[in-house]
C-alpha atoms as a PDB file:
ATOM      1  CA  UNK A   1      -2.938  11.209   6.466  1.00  0.00           C
ATOM      2  CA  UNK A   2      -1.033  10.280   3.349  1.00  0.00           C
ATOM      3  CA  UNK A   3      -1.384  12.527   0.339  1.00  0.00           C
ATOM      4  CA  UNK A   4      -2.903  11.214  -2.889  1.00  0.00           C
ATOM      5  CA  UNK A   5      -1.825  12.750  -6.197  1.00  0.00           C
ATOM      6  CA  UNK A   6      -4.544  12.562  -8.826  1.00  0.00           C
ATOM      7  CA  UNK A   7      -3.045  12.991 -12.302  1.00  0.00           C
ATOM      8  CA  UNK A   8      -5.761  13.893 -14.789  1.00  0.00           C
ATOM      9  CA  UNK A   9      -4.912  14.090 -18.491  1.00  0.00           C
ATOM     10  CA  UNK A  10      -7.161  16.245 -20.664  1.00  0.00           C
ATOM     11  CA  UNK A  11      -7.566  17.553 -24.174  1.00  0.00           C
ATOM     12  CA  UNK A  12     -10.701  19.382 -25.311  1.00  0.00           C
ATOM     13  CA  UNK A  13     -13.055  17.573 -22.929  1.00  0.00           C
ATOM     14  CA  UNK A  14     -15.138  20.685 -22.270  1.00  0.00           C
ATOM     15  CA  UNK A  15     -17.980  20.465 -19.760  1.00  0.00           C
ATOM     16  CA  UNK A  16     -17.225  16.815 -18.895  1.00  0.00           C
ATOM     17  CA  UNK A  17     -14.274  18.154 -16.902  1.00  0.00           C
ATOM     18  CA  UNK A  18     -16.692  19.607 -14.350  1.00  0.00           C
ATOM     19  CA  UNK A  19     -17.976  16.130 -13.417  1.00  0.00           C
ATOM     20  CA  UNK A  20     -14.399  14.879 -13.101  1.00  0.00           C
ATOM     21  CA  UNK A  21     -13.302  17.670 -10.749  1.00  0.00           C
ATOM     22  CA  UNK A  22     -16.519  17.559  -8.719  1.00  0.00           C
ATOM     23  CA  UNK A  23     -16.040  13.816  -8.177  1.00  0.00           C
ATOM     24  CA  UNK A  24     -12.542  14.454  -6.775  1.00  0.00           C
ATOM     25  CA  UNK A  25     -13.615  17.393  -4.599  1.00  0.00           C
ATOM     26  CA  UNK A  26     -16.485  15.335  -3.134  1.00  0.00           C
ATOM     27  CA  UNK A  27     -14.217  12.491  -1.975  1.00  0.00           C
ATOM     28  CA  UNK A  28     -14.398  11.788   1.763  1.00  0.00           C
ATOM     29  CA  UNK A  29     -10.588  11.484   1.782  1.00  0.00           C
ATOM     30  CA  UNK A  30      -9.386  15.095   1.739  1.00  0.00           C
ATOM     31  CA  UNK A  31      -5.568  14.943   1.607  1.00  0.00           C
ATOM     32  CA  UNK A  32      -5.143  15.000  -2.159  1.00  0.00           C
ATOM     33  CA  UNK A  33      -3.834  17.144  -4.979  1.00  0.00           C
ATOM     34  CA  UNK A  34      -5.346  17.211  -8.459  1.00  0.00           C
ATOM     35  CA  UNK A  35      -2.854  17.824 -11.271  1.00  0.00           C
ATOM     36  CA  UNK A  36      -4.686  18.505 -14.520  1.00  0.00           C
ATOM     37  CA  UNK A  37      -2.265  17.885 -17.380  1.00  0.00           C
ATOM     38  CA  UNK A  38      -3.891  19.507 -20.407  1.00  0.00           C
ATOM     39  CA  UNK A  39      -2.636  19.010 -23.958  1.00  0.00           C
ATOM     40  CA  UNK A  40      -3.373  22.577 -25.071  1.00  0.00           C
ATOM     41  CA  UNK A  41      -7.187  22.566 -25.165  1.00  0.00           C
ATOM     42  CA  UNK A  42      -8.953  25.313 -27.110  1.00  0.00           C
ATOM     43  CA  UNK A  43     -12.551  24.540 -26.090  1.00  0.00           C
ATOM     44  CA  UNK A  44     -12.799  26.190 -22.666  1.00  0.00           C
ATOM     45  CA  UNK A  45     -11.417  23.231 -20.683  1.00  0.00           C
ATOM     46  CA  UNK A  46      -8.476  25.299 -19.352  1.00  0.00           C
ATOM     47  CA  UNK A  47     -10.676  28.204 -18.281  1.00  0.00           C
ATOM     48  CA  UNK A  48     -13.104  25.845 -16.530  1.00  0.00           C
ATOM     49  CA  UNK A  49     -10.283  24.200 -14.545  1.00  0.00           C
ATOM     50  CA  UNK A  50      -8.776  27.594 -13.685  1.00  0.00           C
ATOM     51  CA  UNK A  51     -12.086  28.548 -12.026  1.00  0.00           C
ATOM     52  CA  UNK A  52     -11.655  25.558  -9.707  1.00  0.00           C
ATOM     53  CA  UNK A  53      -7.976  26.390  -9.089  1.00  0.00           C
ATOM     54  CA  UNK A  54      -8.980  29.781  -7.714  1.00  0.00           C
ATOM     55  CA  UNK A  55     -11.396  28.155  -5.247  1.00  0.00           C
ATOM     56  CA  UNK A  56      -9.232  25.181  -4.217  1.00  0.00           C
ATOM     57  CA  UNK A  57      -5.415  25.379  -3.991  1.00  0.00           C
ATOM     58  CA  UNK A  58      -5.190  21.561  -4.191  1.00  0.00           C
ATOM     59  CA  UNK A  59      -6.153  21.816  -7.870  1.00  0.00           C
ATOM     60  CA  UNK A  60      -3.482  22.831 -10.401  1.00  0.00           C
ATOM     61  CA  UNK A  61      -3.491  22.919 -14.197  1.00  0.00           C
ATOM     62  CA  UNK A  62      -0.582  22.721 -16.620  1.00  0.00           C
ATOM     63  CA  UNK A  63      -1.482  23.264 -20.266  1.00  0.00           C
ATOM     64  CA  UNK A  64       0.927  22.645 -23.138  1.00  0.00           C
ATOM     65  CA  UNK A  65       0.997  20.452 -26.240  1.00  0.00           C
ATOM     66  CA  UNK A  66       1.828  16.808 -25.545  1.00  0.00           C
ATOM     67  CA  UNK A  67       2.036  13.476 -27.354  1.00  0.00           C
ATOM     68  CA  UNK A  68      -1.143  12.083 -25.859  1.00  0.00           C
ATOM     69  CA  UNK A  69      -2.310  10.792 -22.457  1.00  0.00           C
ATOM     70  CA  UNK A  70       0.785   8.737 -21.616  1.00  0.00           C
ATOM     71  CA  UNK A  71       3.110  11.666 -22.300  1.00  0.00           C
ATOM     72  CA  UNK A  72       0.851  13.935 -20.232  1.00  0.00           C
ATOM     73  CA  UNK A  73       0.787  11.366 -17.424  1.00  0.00           C
ATOM     74  CA  UNK A  74       4.601  11.244 -17.357  1.00  0.00           C
ATOM     75  CA  UNK A  75       4.706  15.047 -17.085  1.00  0.00           C
ATOM     76  CA  UNK A  76       2.231  14.868 -14.204  1.00  0.00           C
ATOM     77  CA  UNK A  77       4.257  12.144 -12.533  1.00  0.00           C
ATOM     78  CA  UNK A  78       7.268  14.477 -12.464  1.00  0.00           C
ATOM     79  CA  UNK A  79       5.176  17.075 -10.557  1.00  0.00           C
ATOM     80  CA  UNK A  80       3.289  14.743  -8.206  1.00  0.00           C
ATOM     81  CA  UNK A  81       3.982  15.159  -4.486  1.00  0.00           C
ATOM     82  CA  UNK A  82       1.714  12.419  -3.160  1.00  0.00           C
ATOM     83  CA  UNK A  83       2.525   9.111  -1.542  1.00  0.00           C
ATOM     84  CA  UNK A  84      -0.036   7.405  -3.798  1.00  0.00           C
ATOM     85  CA  UNK A  85      -1.047   8.058  -7.398  1.00  0.00           C
ATOM     86  CA  UNK A  86      -4.409   7.950  -9.109  1.00  0.00           C
ATOM     87  CA  UNK A  87      -4.546   8.285 -12.881  1.00  0.00           C
ATOM     88  CA  UNK A  88      -7.711   9.464 -14.601  1.00  0.00           C
ATOM     89  CA  UNK A  89      -8.807  11.311 -17.729  1.00  0.00           C
ATOM     90  CA  UNK A  90     -10.815  14.503 -18.082  1.00  0.00           C
ATOM     91  CA  UNK A  91     -13.928  12.705 -19.299  1.00  0.00           C
ATOM     92  CA  UNK A  92     -13.851  10.204 -16.404  1.00  0.00           C
ATOM     93  CA  UNK A  93     -15.258  10.600 -12.921  1.00  0.00           C
ATOM     94  CA  UNK A  94     -15.427   8.679  -9.660  1.00  0.00           C
ATOM     95  CA  UNK A  95     -18.897   7.388  -8.789  1.00  0.00           C
ATOM     96  CA  UNK A  96     -17.936   6.372  -5.238  1.00  0.00           C
ATOM     97  CA  UNK A  97     -17.076   9.252  -2.859  1.00  0.00           C
ATOM     98  CA  UNK A  98     -15.159   6.769  -0.670  1.00  0.00           C
ATOM     99  CA  UNK A  99     -12.925   5.470  -3.463  1.00  0.00           C
ATOM    100  CA  UNK A 100      -9.769   7.370  -2.388  1.00  0.00           C
ATOM    101  CA  UNK A 101     -10.314   6.433   1.248  1.00  0.00           C
ATOM    102  CA  UNK A 102     -10.926   2.754   0.493  1.00  0.00           C
ATOM    103  CA  UNK A 103      -7.903   2.548  -1.820  1.00  0.00           C
ATOM    104  CA  UNK A 104      -5.582   4.165   0.739  1.00  0.00           C
ATOM    105  CA  UNK A 105      -6.803   1.759   3.450  1.00  0.00           C
ATOM    106  CA  UNK A 106      -5.966  -1.253   1.282  1.00  0.00           C
ATOM    107  CA  UNK A 107      -2.518   0.105   0.362  1.00  0.00           C
ATOM    108  CA  UNK A 108      -1.699   1.065   3.966  1.00  0.00           C
ATOM    109  CA  UNK A 109      -2.842  -2.272   5.350  1.00  0.00           C
ATOM    110  CA  UNK A 110      -0.594  -4.480   3.212  1.00  0.00           C
ATOM    111  CA  UNK A 111       2.713  -3.125   1.890  1.00  0.00           C
ATOM    112  CA  UNK A 112       2.864  -6.061  -0.562  1.00  0.00           C
ATOM    113  CA  UNK A 113      -0.087  -4.497  -2.417  1.00  0.00           C
ATOM    114  CA  UNK A 114       1.101  -1.901  -4.925  1.00  0.00           C
ATOM    115  CA  UNK A 115      -2.034  -1.404  -7.018  1.00  0.00           C
ATOM    116  CA  UNK A 116      -5.715  -0.929  -6.253  1.00  0.00           C
ATOM    117  CA  UNK A 117      -7.803  -0.920  -9.388  1.00  0.00           C
ATOM    118  CA  UNK A 118     -11.383  -1.136 -10.594  1.00  0.00           C
ATOM    119  CA  UNK A 119     -12.831  -1.622 -14.051  1.00  0.00           C
ATOM    120  CA  UNK A 120     -14.435   1.492 -15.436  1.00  0.00           C
ATOM    121  CA  UNK A 121     -18.026   1.718 -16.596  1.00  0.00           C
ATOM    122  CA  UNK A 122     -19.258   3.432 -19.724  1.00  0.00           C
ATOM    123  CA  UNK A 123     -21.734   6.279 -19.241  1.00  0.00           C
ATOM    124  CA  UNK A 124     -23.507   7.788 -22.271  1.00  0.00           C
ATOM    125  CA  UNK A 125     -24.102  11.541 -22.582  1.00  0.00           C
ATOM    126  CA  UNK A 126     -27.738  10.755 -21.727  1.00  0.00           C
ATOM    127  CA  UNK A 127     -26.611   9.210 -18.421  1.00  0.00           C
ATOM    128  CA  UNK A 128     -27.264   5.633 -19.544  1.00  0.00           C
ATOM    129  CA  UNK A 129     -24.875   3.134 -17.926  1.00  0.00           C
ATOM    130  CA  UNK A 130     -23.430   0.840 -20.612  1.00  0.00           C
ATOM    131  CA  UNK A 131     -21.662  -1.478 -18.161  1.00  0.00           C
ATOM    132  CA  UNK A 132     -18.046  -2.515 -17.689  1.00  0.00           C
ATOM    133  CA  UNK A 133     -15.556  -1.059 -20.130  1.00  0.00           C
ATOM    134  CA  UNK A 134     -14.380  -4.127 -22.051  1.00  0.00           C
ATOM    135  CA  UNK A 135     -11.225  -2.305 -23.238  1.00  0.00           C
ATOM    136  CA  UNK A 136      -9.499  -3.121 -19.953  1.00  0.00           C
ATOM    137  CA  UNK A 137     -10.649  -6.686 -19.385  1.00  0.00           C
ATOM    138  CA  UNK A 138      -7.391  -8.114 -20.767  1.00  0.00           C
ATOM    139  CA  UNK A 139      -5.585  -6.734 -17.704  1.00  0.00           C
ATOM    140  CA  UNK A 140      -7.478  -9.016 -15.330  1.00  0.00           C
ATOM    141  CA  UNK A 141      -7.506 -12.213 -17.346  1.00  0.00           C
ATOM    142  CA  UNK A 142      -5.345 -14.999 -16.000  1.00  0.00           C
ATOM    143  CA  UNK A 143      -2.880 -15.707 -18.792  1.00  0.00           C
ATOM    144  CA  UNK A 144       0.502 -17.211 -19.409  1.00  0.00           C
ATOM    145  CA  UNK A 145       3.287 -16.331 -21.802  1.00  0.00           C
ATOM    146  CA  UNK A 146       1.549 -17.910 -24.798  1.00  0.00           C
ATOM    147  CA  UNK A 147      -1.561 -15.739 -24.450  1.00  0.00           C
ATOM    148  CA  UNK A 148       0.603 -12.631 -23.891  1.00  0.00           C
ATOM    149  CA  UNK A 149       2.499 -13.380 -27.124  1.00  0.00           C
ATOM    150  CA  UNK A 150      -0.810 -13.870 -28.992  1.00  0.00           C
ATOM    151  CA  UNK A 151      -2.084 -10.482 -27.773  1.00  0.00           C
ATOM    152  CA  UNK A 152       1.184  -8.803 -28.777  1.00  0.00           C
ATOM    153  CA  UNK A 153       1.208 -10.415 -32.250  1.00  0.00           C
ATOM    154  CA  UNK A 154      -2.448  -9.504 -32.782  1.00  0.00           C
ATOM    155  CA  UNK A 155      -1.801  -5.835 -31.935  1.00  0.00           C
ATOM    156  CA  UNK A 156       1.371  -5.812 -34.050  1.00  0.00           C
ATOM    157  CA  UNK A 157      -0.448  -7.216 -37.114  1.00  0.00           C
ATOM    158  CA  UNK A 158      -3.259  -4.698 -36.634  1.00  0.00           C
ATOM    159  CA  UNK A 159      -0.728  -1.845 -36.699  1.00  0.00           C
ATOM    160  CA  UNK A 160       1.040  -3.247 -39.803  1.00  0.00           C
ATOM    161  CA  UNK A 161      -2.321  -3.627 -41.589  1.00  0.00           C
ATOM    162  CA  UNK A 162      -3.233  -0.019 -40.782  1.00  0.00           C
ATOM    163  CA  UNK A 163       0.180   1.267 -41.881  1.00  0.00           C
ATOM    164  CA  UNK A 164      -0.290  -0.482 -45.237  1.00  0.00           C
ATOM    165  CA  UNK A 165      -3.979   0.031 -45.958  1.00  0.00           C
ATOM    166  CA  UNK A 166      -5.511   2.702 -43.699  1.00  0.00           C
ATOM    167  CA  UNK A 167      -6.160   6.281 -44.748  1.00  0.00           C
ATOM    168  CA  UNK A 168      -3.428   8.909 -44.421  1.00  0.00           C
ATOM    169  CA  UNK A 169      -4.808  10.339 -41.145  1.00  0.00           C
ATOM    170  CA  UNK A 170      -4.653   6.924 -39.462  1.00  0.00           C
ATOM    171  CA  UNK A 171      -1.108   6.331 -40.762  1.00  0.00           C
ATOM    172  CA  UNK A 172       0.013   9.730 -39.494  1.00  0.00           C
ATOM    173  CA  UNK A 173      -1.565   9.017 -36.109  1.00  0.00           C
ATOM    174  CA  UNK A 174       0.248   5.656 -35.864  1.00  0.00           C
ATOM    175  CA  UNK A 175       3.631   7.118 -36.874  1.00  0.00           C
ATOM    176  CA  UNK A 176       3.310   9.782 -34.171  1.00  0.00           C
ATOM    177  CA  UNK A 177       2.475   7.124 -31.570  1.00  0.00           C
ATOM    178  CA  UNK A 178       5.195   4.679 -32.634  1.00  0.00           C
ATOM    179  CA  UNK A 179       7.950   7.304 -32.462  1.00  0.00           C
ATOM    180  CA  UNK A 180       6.712   9.158 -29.382  1.00  0.00           C
ATOM    181  CA  UNK A 181       8.573   9.318 -26.069  1.00  0.00           C
ATOM    182  CA  UNK A 182       5.712   7.363 -24.494  1.00  0.00           C
ATOM    183  CA  UNK A 183       5.979   4.439 -26.954  1.00  0.00           C
ATOM    184  CA  UNK A 184       7.805   2.082 -24.534  1.00  0.00           C
ATOM    185  CA  UNK A 185       5.123   2.614 -21.871  1.00  0.00           C
ATOM    186  CA  UNK A 186       2.428   2.036 -24.491  1.00  0.00           C
ATOM    187  CA  UNK A 187       4.155  -1.211 -25.538  1.00  0.00           C
ATOM    188  CA  UNK A 188       4.259  -2.459 -21.950  1.00  0.00           C
ATOM    189  CA  UNK A 189       0.542  -1.722 -21.530  1.00  0.00           C
ATOM    190  CA  UNK A 190      -0.324  -4.022 -24.459  1.00  0.00           C
ATOM    191  CA  UNK A 191       1.195  -7.037 -22.755  1.00  0.00           C
ATOM    192  CA  UNK A 192       0.432  -6.096 -19.148  1.00  0.00           C
ATOM    193  CA  UNK A 193      -1.577  -8.460 -17.013  1.00  0.00           C
ATOM    194  CA  UNK A 194      -1.772 -10.076 -13.610  1.00  0.00           C
ATOM    195  CA  UNK A 195      -0.475 -13.566 -12.956  1.00  0.00           C
ATOM    196  CA  UNK A 196      -3.120 -16.230 -12.456  1.00  0.00           C
ATOM    197  CA  UNK A 197      -4.692 -15.889  -9.006  1.00  0.00           C
ATOM    198  CA  UNK A 198      -2.608 -12.829  -8.106  1.00  0.00           C
ATOM    199  CA  UNK A 199      -5.231 -10.124  -8.684  1.00  0.00           C
END
């Protein structure tokens, strides 16, 4: 079996982390490692994960300040030992216990396939399913260079507007993001997409 490295970024996600870890542990595919990359949580997240680490040596936690999820992901990437990567966040969980197994089958079957992906669904604290997370729909739209440029310009103008007119907290947040080590990866994610018919 090929090992899957699950890189999970967290920061003060509290009890939601339990659902995330339980959804990994309950996967039918068992050759995985879970690397929890915590940004220095102070709400009990670290202690909760450490309880799991004691029970399952496949689970490891690294807690230190970071520059956000992309920075934490890059730190996890440097520690990952798997043949395949899964990226998730501490407030996310897998609803299908066969997800790892199904993804590995697809990747093993066709070496031309380098990504297996599904749109997330929003779940309220009450358990209500709010449907597909629209934040990621731009990744799966068929689009050419013109639409990519429009998306980039739109995001750029939004940032300029906020730098000029938003409150100080928003400006500070943007400055930290713009000058972070993860900024180039963040920039690529804005314009990322799949070519028409290639999904």
